[in-house]
Amino acid sequence: MSDTKVWYITGASKGMGLSLVKKLLAKGHKVAATSRSTAAFDHLSSAGDQFLPLEVDLKSEQSIADSIKKTVEHFGELNVVINNAGYGLGGALEELTAEEIEENFEVNFFAVVRVVQQSLPYLRKQRSGHIINISSIAGFAPGTGWSMYCAAKFAVSGLTEALANDLKPLGIRVTNVLPGWFRTNFAKADAIAYNQNQIEDYAYLREYHEKMNHMDGTQPGDPDRIADAFLALVGSQQPAVNLFLGSDAFDRAKSKIAQLTTEMETWKAVARSTDFNS
């Protein structure tokens, strides 16, 4: 029996998504890849029928539904759905406009909701499949200066864990992937937005934004190794619900867990004090 699968990947024209597409194709898998323009995939034209480029508006439920339908019609099935599209948003909450906040949640969270909703009818019918939502280590252990981005990624993480519970009886697996820093374009301007309004009292946050701007090319994660990690995940009989990807993400998560454990012990008496006295 062949181990090749049909993968549907959003935000696949650059960064982690593009690296994943290339590696999966090289390993013989079938890939449907979304972007705002299929021209972004012209360099992959040699992949033939093994590759399906899709122009998709992730803000449109109909556009997503059409793309998933085309994927199933083209390949005959759907095995793995990867929600990878997203972008960073820097700035203090007080500085961000309603439009900046809404746009970040539209792409980072609500697009995930739409893709999952539209793919589930096919996965339910099969009683199989694997949904992988790309959150971020910032969706578990938030950094400084990225409050709204962290909030959106926390929402992705929470949704994913809940889906893992809800969909398990249907044979559908769900994993929350929380990457650290990978050497992709994510530190570049086309993957990060910053607040337009600036308040002087939050000037200290710009230091964290500058750190981001200067780290491009020095990130510890190798994007060419992501595909193997995902293949191990999808091939496992007991796949992780939460996968911290990269040594930096893994170590940061362990530090957060240790901090949380200490805090819980410190406040245990207060936490338990609100129960009825038996």
Protein backbone atom coordinates (compact mmCIF):
# COMPACT_ATOMS: atom_id res chain seq x y z
CA MET A 1 0.00 0.00 0.00
CA SER A 2 1.36 3.42 -1.00
CA ASP A 3 2.26 5.91 1.70
CA THR A 4 1.76 8.90 -0.60
CA LYS A 5 -0.98 11.28 0.45
CA VAL A 6 -2.94 14.24 -0.84
CA TRP A 7 -1.96 17.45 0.97
CA TYR A 8 -3.86 20.75 0.93
CA ILE A 9 -1.63 23.61 2.13
CA THR A 10 -2.54 27.28 2.58
CA GLY A 11 -0.03 30.10 2.36
CA ALA A 12 2.18 27.86 0.23
CA SER A 13 3.88 30.38 -2.06
CA LYS A 14 6.71 31.27 0.31
CA GLY A 15 8.41 30.48 3.58
CA MET A 16 7.57 27.33 5.48
CA GLY A 17 4.67 26.51 3.15
CA LEU A 18 6.77 26.63 -0.03
CA SER A 19 9.55 24.58 1.52
CA LEU A 20 7.00 21.98 2.57
CA VAL A 21 5.43 21.86 -0.91
CA LYS A 22 8.79 21.31 -2.63
CA LYS A 23 9.87 18.54 -0.27
CA LEU A 24 6.55 16.72 -0.41
CA LEU A 25 6.52 16.80 -4.21
CA ALA A 26 10.09 15.50 -4.27
CA LYS A 27 9.00 12.60 -2.07
CA GLY A 28 6.18 11.66 -4.46
CA HIS A 29 3.21 13.14 -2.60
CA LYS A 30 0.33 14.99 -4.25
CA VAL A 31 -0.04 18.62 -3.22
CA ALA A 32 -2.75 21.26 -3.64
CA ALA A 33 -1.22 24.60 -2.73
CA THR A 34 -3.01 27.90 -2.21
CA SER A 35 -1.87 31.46 -2.74
CA ARG A 36 -3.46 34.75 -3.68
CA SER A 37 -2.04 34.23 -7.17
CA THR A 38 -1.09 30.98 -8.91
CA ALA A 39 1.70 32.89 -10.68
CA ALA A 40 3.67 32.37 -7.47
CA PHE A 41 3.89 28.68 -8.40
CA ASP A 42 5.10 29.03 -12.01
CA HIS A 43 8.50 27.64 -11.04
CA LEU A 44 6.82 24.37 -10.00
CA SER A 45 5.17 23.71 -13.36
CA SER A 46 7.38 20.65 -13.94
CA ALA A 47 5.57 18.79 -11.14
CA GLY A 48 2.73 17.95 -13.54
CA ASP A 49 -0.53 16.43 -12.29
CA GLN A 50 1.10 15.74 -8.95
CA PHE A 51 0.76 19.45 -8.15
CA LEU A 52 -2.40 21.58 -8.11
CA PRO A 53 -1.87 25.35 -7.72
CA LEU A 54 -4.93 27.15 -6.43
CA GLU A 55 -5.75 30.85 -6.33
CA VAL A 56 -7.67 31.27 -3.10
CA ASP A 57 -9.01 34.19 -1.09
CA LEU A 58 -8.79 32.94 2.49
CA LYS A 59 -11.30 35.59 3.58
CA SER A 60 -13.92 34.01 1.31
CA GLU A 61 -15.75 30.89 2.42
CA GLN A 62 -16.83 30.23 -1.18
CA SER A 63 -13.29 30.56 -2.53
CA ILE A 64 -12.02 28.07 0.05
CA ALA A 65 -14.92 25.67 -0.58
CA ASP A 66 -14.26 25.76 -4.34
CA SER A 67 -10.54 25.09 -3.85
CA ILE A 68 -11.11 22.06 -1.65
CA LYS A 69 -13.70 20.71 -4.07
CA LYS A 70 -11.16 21.09 -6.92
CA THR A 71 -8.55 19.27 -4.82
CA VAL A 72 -10.82 16.26 -4.29
CA GLU A 73 -11.95 16.26 -7.92
CA HIS A 74 -8.34 16.40 -9.13
CA PHE A 75 -6.78 13.85 -6.77
CA GLY A 76 -9.80 11.77 -5.76
CA GLU A 77 -9.33 12.25 -2.03
CA LEU A 78 -7.99 14.55 0.68
CA ASN A 79 -5.69 13.28 3.42
CA VAL A 80 -3.86 16.15 5.11
CA VAL A 81 -4.97 19.76 5.55
CA ILE A 82 -2.33 22.26 6.64
CA ASN A 83 -3.34 25.76 7.70
CA ASN A 84 -0.09 27.62 7.22
CA ALA A 85 -1.09 31.10 6.02
CA GLY A 86 -0.44 33.93 8.47
CA TYR A 87 1.55 37.06 9.23
CA GLY A 88 2.99 38.82 12.26
CA LEU A 89 1.62 42.04 13.74
CA GLY A 90 3.79 44.11 16.05
CA GLY A 91 2.64 46.87 18.36
CA ALA A 92 1.13 47.58 21.74
CA LEU A 93 -2.60 46.84 22.00
CA GLU A 94 -3.36 50.51 22.70
CA GLU A 95 -1.58 51.51 19.50
CA LEU A 96 -3.36 49.11 17.16
CA THR A 97 -6.43 50.16 15.20
CA ALA A 98 -9.59 48.09 14.95
CA GLU A 99 -8.79 47.50 11.27
CA GLU A 100 -5.28 46.20 12.03
CA ILE A 101 -6.64 43.87 14.71
CA GLU A 102 -9.49 42.56 12.55
CA GLU A 103 -7.21 41.93 9.57
CA ASN A 104 -4.74 39.97 11.68
CA PHE A 105 -7.48 37.75 13.11
CA GLU A 106 -9.03 37.33 9.64
CA VAL A 107 -5.84 35.82 8.23
CA ASN A 108 -4.35 34.14 11.31
CA PHE A 109 -7.50 32.71 12.87
CA PHE A 110 -10.73 32.97 10.89
CA ALA A 111 -9.07 31.64 7.73
CA VAL A 112 -8.19 28.53 9.75
CA VAL A 113 -11.81 28.20 10.85
CA ARG A 114 -13.06 28.47 7.26
CA VAL A 115 -10.61 25.93 5.87
CA VAL A 116 -11.40 23.40 8.60
CA GLN A 117 -15.15 23.86 8.17
CA GLN A 118 -14.97 23.38 4.41
CA SER A 119 -12.65 20.35 4.56
CA LEU A 120 -14.56 18.45 7.25
CA PRO A 121 -17.39 17.13 5.02
CA TYR A 122 -14.78 15.26 2.95
CA LEU A 123 -12.79 14.03 5.95
CA ARG A 124 -15.95 12.92 7.78
CA LYS A 125 -17.10 10.94 4.76
CA GLN A 126 -13.73 9.17 4.65
CA ARG A 127 -13.61 8.75 8.43
CA SER A 128 -9.94 9.65 8.14
CA GLY A 129 -7.58 12.55 7.64
CA HIS A 130 -5.23 14.82 9.53
CA ILE A 131 -5.67 18.55 10.14
CA ILE A 132 -2.48 20.41 11.02
CA ASN A 133 -2.85 24.01 12.16
CA ILE A 134 0.30 26.10 12.27
CA SER A 135 0.17 28.22 15.41
CA SER A 136 3.43 29.58 16.87
CA ILE A 137 5.46 29.25 20.03
CA ALA A 138 3.97 32.74 20.61
CA GLY A 139 0.63 30.95 20.88
CA PHE A 140 1.86 29.24 24.05
CA ALA A 141 4.65 31.38 25.46
CA PRO A 142 4.07 34.95 24.22
CA GLY A 143 6.87 37.32 23.42
CA THR A 144 6.98 41.07 24.05
CA GLY A 145 5.59 43.59 21.58
CA TRP A 146 3.31 41.20 19.68
CA SER A 147 0.16 41.12 21.82
CA MET A 148 -2.44 40.79 19.06
CA TYR A 149 -0.42 38.29 17.01
CA CYS A 150 0.02 36.21 20.16
CA ALA A 151 -3.73 36.45 20.84
CA ALA A 152 -4.55 35.19 17.34
CA LYS A 153 -2.12 32.30 17.67
CA PHE A 154 -3.46 31.42 21.15
CA ALA A 155 -6.88 31.25 19.49
CA VAL A 156 -5.52 28.85 16.86
CA SER A 157 -3.95 26.69 19.57
CA GLY A 158 -7.15 26.59 21.62
CA LEU A 159 -9.30 25.78 18.62
CA THR A 160 -6.94 23.02 17.53
CA GLU A 161 -6.83 21.30 20.91
CA ALA A 162 -10.64 21.41 21.11
CA LEU A 163 -10.94 19.98 17.60
CA ALA A 164 -8.58 17.16 18.52
CA ASN A 165 -11.13 16.11 21.16
CA ASP A 166 -14.20 16.65 19.00
CA LEU A 167 -12.99 14.89 15.86
CA LYS A 168 -11.16 11.90 17.30
CA PRO A 169 -14.32 9.69 17.32
CA LEU A 170 -14.65 10.37 13.57
CA GLY A 171 -11.17 9.07 12.83
CA ILE A 172 -9.84 12.57 12.10
CA ARG A 173 -6.58 13.55 13.75
CA VAL A 174 -5.73 17.14 14.63
CA THR A 175 -2.36 18.63 15.55
CA ASN A 176 -1.34 22.07 16.74
CA VAL A 177 2.18 22.87 15.45
CA LEU A 178 3.98 25.61 17.35
CA PRO A 179 7.16 26.53 15.46
CA GLY A 180 10.02 28.60 16.74
CA TRP A 181 12.28 30.59 14.42
CA PHE A 182 12.94 29.05 11.02
CA ARG A 183 15.16 30.53 8.34
CA THR A 184 12.30 31.59 6.06
CA ASN A 185 10.95 34.95 4.96
CA PHE A 186 8.95 35.43 8.18
CA ALA A 187 11.41 38.01 9.51
CA LYS A 188 11.06 40.04 6.31
CA ALA A 189 8.73 43.00 5.79
CA ASP A 190 6.29 41.10 3.56
CA ALA A 191 5.44 38.72 6.40
CA ILE A 192 5.18 41.24 9.25
CA ALA A 193 3.05 44.33 9.77
CA TYR A 194 3.61 46.98 12.43
CA ASN A 195 1.26 49.44 14.09
CA GLN A 196 0.81 52.69 12.19
CA ASN A 197 0.03 54.71 15.31
CA GLN A 198 2.87 55.02 17.82
CA ILE A 199 2.68 56.11 21.44
CA GLU A 200 5.92 57.31 22.99
CA ASP A 201 5.38 55.43 26.25
CA TYR A 202 5.64 52.17 24.27
CA ALA A 203 8.93 53.09 22.60
CA TYR A 204 10.63 50.24 24.48
CA LEU A 205 8.66 47.75 22.39
CA ARG A 206 10.46 48.92 19.24
CA GLU A 207 13.61 47.25 20.57
CA TYR A 208 11.89 43.88 20.26
CA HIS A 209 10.71 44.74 16.75
CA GLU A 210 14.25 45.74 15.74
CA LYS A 211 15.53 42.45 17.07
CA MET A 212 13.12 40.71 14.71
CA ASN A 213 14.26 42.82 11.78
CA HIS A 214 17.91 41.93 12.33
CA MET A 215 17.58 38.19 12.89
CA ASP A 216 16.86 37.26 9.27
CA GLY A 217 19.32 34.61 8.14
CA THR A 218 20.34 33.61 11.66
CA GLN A 219 17.24 31.67 12.77
CA PRO A 220 18.09 28.19 14.11
CA GLY A 221 15.36 26.24 12.27
CA ASP A 222 16.02 24.63 8.87
CA PRO A 223 12.82 24.82 6.76
CA ASP A 224 14.01 21.95 4.55
CA ARG A 225 13.63 19.60 7.51
CA ILE A 226 10.00 20.47 8.20
CA ALA A 227 8.57 17.99 5.67
CA ASP A 228 10.25 15.03 7.39
CA ALA A 229 8.85 16.17 10.74
CA PHE A 230 5.35 16.41 9.26
CA LEU A 231 5.64 13.02 7.58
CA ALA A 232 6.63 11.50 10.93
CA LEU A 233 3.65 13.22 12.52
CA VAL A 234 1.13 12.09 9.90
CA GLY A 235 2.56 8.57 9.85
CA SER A 236 2.37 8.09 13.61
CA GLN A 237 -0.30 5.91 15.20
CA GLN A 238 -0.40 8.39 18.09
CA PRO A 239 0.37 11.80 16.61
CA ALA A 240 1.05 14.70 18.94
CA VAL A 241 -1.79 17.11 19.65
CA ASN A 242 0.84 19.79 20.29
CA LEU A 243 4.15 19.70 18.45
CA PHE A 244 6.74 22.31 19.37
CA LEU A 245 8.86 22.56 16.25
CA GLY A 246 12.49 23.61 16.64
CA SER A 247 14.82 23.45 19.62
CA ASP A 248 14.12 27.10 20.48
CA ALA A 249 10.36 26.48 20.60
CA PHE A 250 10.82 23.29 22.60
CA ASP A 251 13.06 25.00 25.19
CA ARG A 252 10.81 28.06 25.42
CA ALA A 253 7.79 25.82 26.03
CA LYS A 254 9.61 23.93 28.78
CA SER A 255 10.49 27.22 30.48
CA LYS A 256 6.85 28.35 30.26
CA ILE A 257 5.64 25.05 31.74
CA ALA A 258 8.13 25.34 34.60
CA GLN A 259 7.07 28.94 35.28
CA LEU A 260 3.40 27.94 35.19
CA THR A 261 3.97 25.00 37.54
CA THR A 262 5.75 27.24 40.05
CA GLU A 263 3.01 29.86 39.88
CA MET A 264 0.29 27.24 40.38
CA GLU A 265 2.01 25.87 43.47
CA THR A 266 2.47 29.38 44.88
CA TRP A 267 -1.23 30.16 44.45
CA LYS A 268 -2.60 26.69 45.18
CA ALA A 269 -4.14 27.62 48.52
CA VAL A 270 -5.97 30.58 47.01
CA ALA A 271 -7.11 28.49 44.04
CA ARG A 272 -8.59 25.84 46.32
CA SER A 273 -10.07 28.36 48.77
CA THR A 274 -13.06 29.09 46.54
CA ASP A 275 -14.58 25.57 46.87
CA PHE A 276 -17.57 24.92 49.14
CA ASN A 277 -16.54 23.75 52.58
CA SER A 278 -17.55 20.11 52.89
